[in-house]
Protein backbone atom coordinates (compact mmCIF):
# COMPACT_ATOMS: atom_id res chain seq x y z
CA MET A 1 -90.23 59.30 11.80
CA GLY A 2 -93.12 57.39 13.35
CA ILE A 3 -93.17 53.96 14.92
CA MET A 4 -94.57 52.40 11.76
CA ASP A 5 -91.70 53.82 9.70
CA LYS A 6 -89.19 52.44 12.19
CA MET A 7 -90.86 49.03 12.12
CA LYS A 8 -90.77 48.98 8.32
CA GLN A 9 -87.12 50.03 8.39
CA ALA A 10 -86.32 47.22 10.86
CA LYS A 11 -88.16 44.69 8.68
CA ASP A 12 -86.26 45.87 5.59
CA MET A 13 -82.96 45.64 7.46
CA TYR A 14 -83.78 42.09 8.58
CA GLY A 15 -84.60 41.13 4.99
CA ASN A 16 -81.32 42.60 3.76
CA MET A 17 -79.34 40.79 6.45
CA LYS A 18 -81.04 37.51 5.57
CA LYS A 19 -80.24 38.05 1.89
CA MET A 20 -76.61 38.83 2.71
CA GLN A 21 -76.35 35.65 4.80
CA GLN A 22 -77.69 33.60 1.89
CA GLU A 23 -75.08 35.16 -0.40
CA VAL A 24 -72.30 34.45 2.12
CA ASP A 25 -73.45 30.82 2.36
CA LYS A 26 -72.97 30.46 -1.42
CA ILE A 27 -69.31 31.51 -1.30
CA VAL A 28 -66.77 28.72 -1.85
CA VAL A 29 -63.05 29.41 -2.25
CA GLU A 30 -59.99 27.22 -2.81
CA ALA A 31 -56.39 27.71 -1.83
CA SER A 32 -53.32 25.66 -2.70
CA SER A 33 -50.04 25.23 -0.91
CA LYS A 34 -46.90 26.79 -2.40
CA ASN A 35 -45.97 23.48 -4.02
CA SER A 36 -49.62 22.90 -5.08
CA LEU A 37 -49.68 19.51 -3.36
CA ILE A 38 -52.30 20.49 -0.79
CA THR A 39 -55.64 22.08 -1.67
CA VAL A 40 -58.21 23.40 0.79
CA ALA A 41 -61.80 24.41 -0.01
CA ALA A 42 -63.73 26.64 2.42
CA LYS A 43 -67.24 28.11 2.56
CA GLY A 44 -68.24 31.68 3.29
CA ASN A 45 -69.13 30.74 6.86
CA HIS A 46 -65.49 29.65 7.45
CA GLN A 47 -66.33 25.96 7.30
CA ILE A 48 -63.58 23.85 5.70
CA LEU A 49 -65.21 21.71 3.01
CA SER A 50 -62.25 19.60 1.97
CA ILE A 51 -58.52 19.11 2.29
CA LYS A 52 -56.80 17.27 -0.54
CA ILE A 53 -53.25 15.99 -0.10
CA ASP A 54 -51.33 14.78 -3.13
CA ASP A 55 -49.77 11.32 -2.94
CA GLN A 56 -46.35 12.86 -3.57
CA LEU A 57 -46.32 13.94 0.09
CA GLN A 58 -46.69 10.34 1.29
CA ASN A 59 -43.05 10.03 2.36
CA SER A 60 -42.69 13.64 3.57
CA ASP A 61 -42.05 14.75 7.12
CA LEU A 62 -45.34 14.86 9.04
CA ARG A 63 -44.51 18.22 10.65
CA ASP A 64 -43.88 19.74 7.23
CA ILE A 65 -47.23 18.45 5.97
CA GLU A 66 -48.97 19.87 9.06
CA LYS A 67 -47.38 23.29 8.47
CA GLN A 68 -48.43 23.25 4.82
CA ILE A 69 -52.01 22.28 5.74
CA LEU A 70 -52.19 25.05 8.33
CA ALA A 71 -50.82 27.66 5.93
CA THR A 72 -53.20 26.57 3.17
CA CYS A 73 -56.22 26.61 5.51
CA ASN A 74 -55.29 30.11 6.68
CA GLU A 75 -54.93 31.26 3.07
CA ALA A 76 -58.36 29.82 2.21
CA LEU A 77 -59.97 31.55 5.20
CA GLY A 78 -58.28 34.81 4.21
CA LYS A 79 -59.81 34.45 0.76
CA VAL A 80 -63.20 33.84 2.37
CA ASP A 81 -62.89 37.06 4.39
CA LYS A 82 -61.94 39.03 1.29
CA GLU A 83 -64.83 37.58 -0.73
CA VAL A 84 -67.35 38.19 2.07
CA LYS A 85 -66.26 41.81 2.45
CA SER A 86 -66.47 42.28 -1.30
CA LYS A 87 -69.97 40.79 -1.58
CA MET A 88 -71.33 42.57 1.47
CA GLY A 89 -69.87 45.88 0.37
CA SER A 90 -71.47 45.61 -3.05
CA MET A 91 -74.80 44.55 -1.55
CA MET A 92 -74.78 47.53 0.81
CA ASN A 93 -73.65 49.87 -2.00
CA LEU A 94 -70.58 51.04 -0.09
CA PRO A 95 -68.03 53.21 -1.89
CA GLY A 96 -64.97 51.30 -3.05
CA GLY A 97 -62.53 52.62 -0.46
CA LEU A 98 -64.82 52.25 2.55
CA LYS A 99 -63.89 49.32 4.75
CA LEU A 100 -66.28 47.27 6.83
CA PRO A 101 -65.46 46.85 10.52
CA PHE A 102 -64.96 43.07 10.25
């Protein structure tokens, strides 16, 4: 394989990585707390977009609300990871059982 082939291969790899990043940026997931009173939306880059807290929690214990928010954020980020792995695996044409290292 000559230098030109390696340069073309590197350029193709860069293009694929850029395309994958664009796909990851499009991912948006939502998660709800067990009682469905807290909803968190997160993007594929692990950025939290929104946290919605139902008015029914207005008179609840603050520590309980904090725990529910934390659990719901962690669930949303777990969904992001799963979705990213799924999209990247399909874009790289990996066999179904093969896991990515991240």
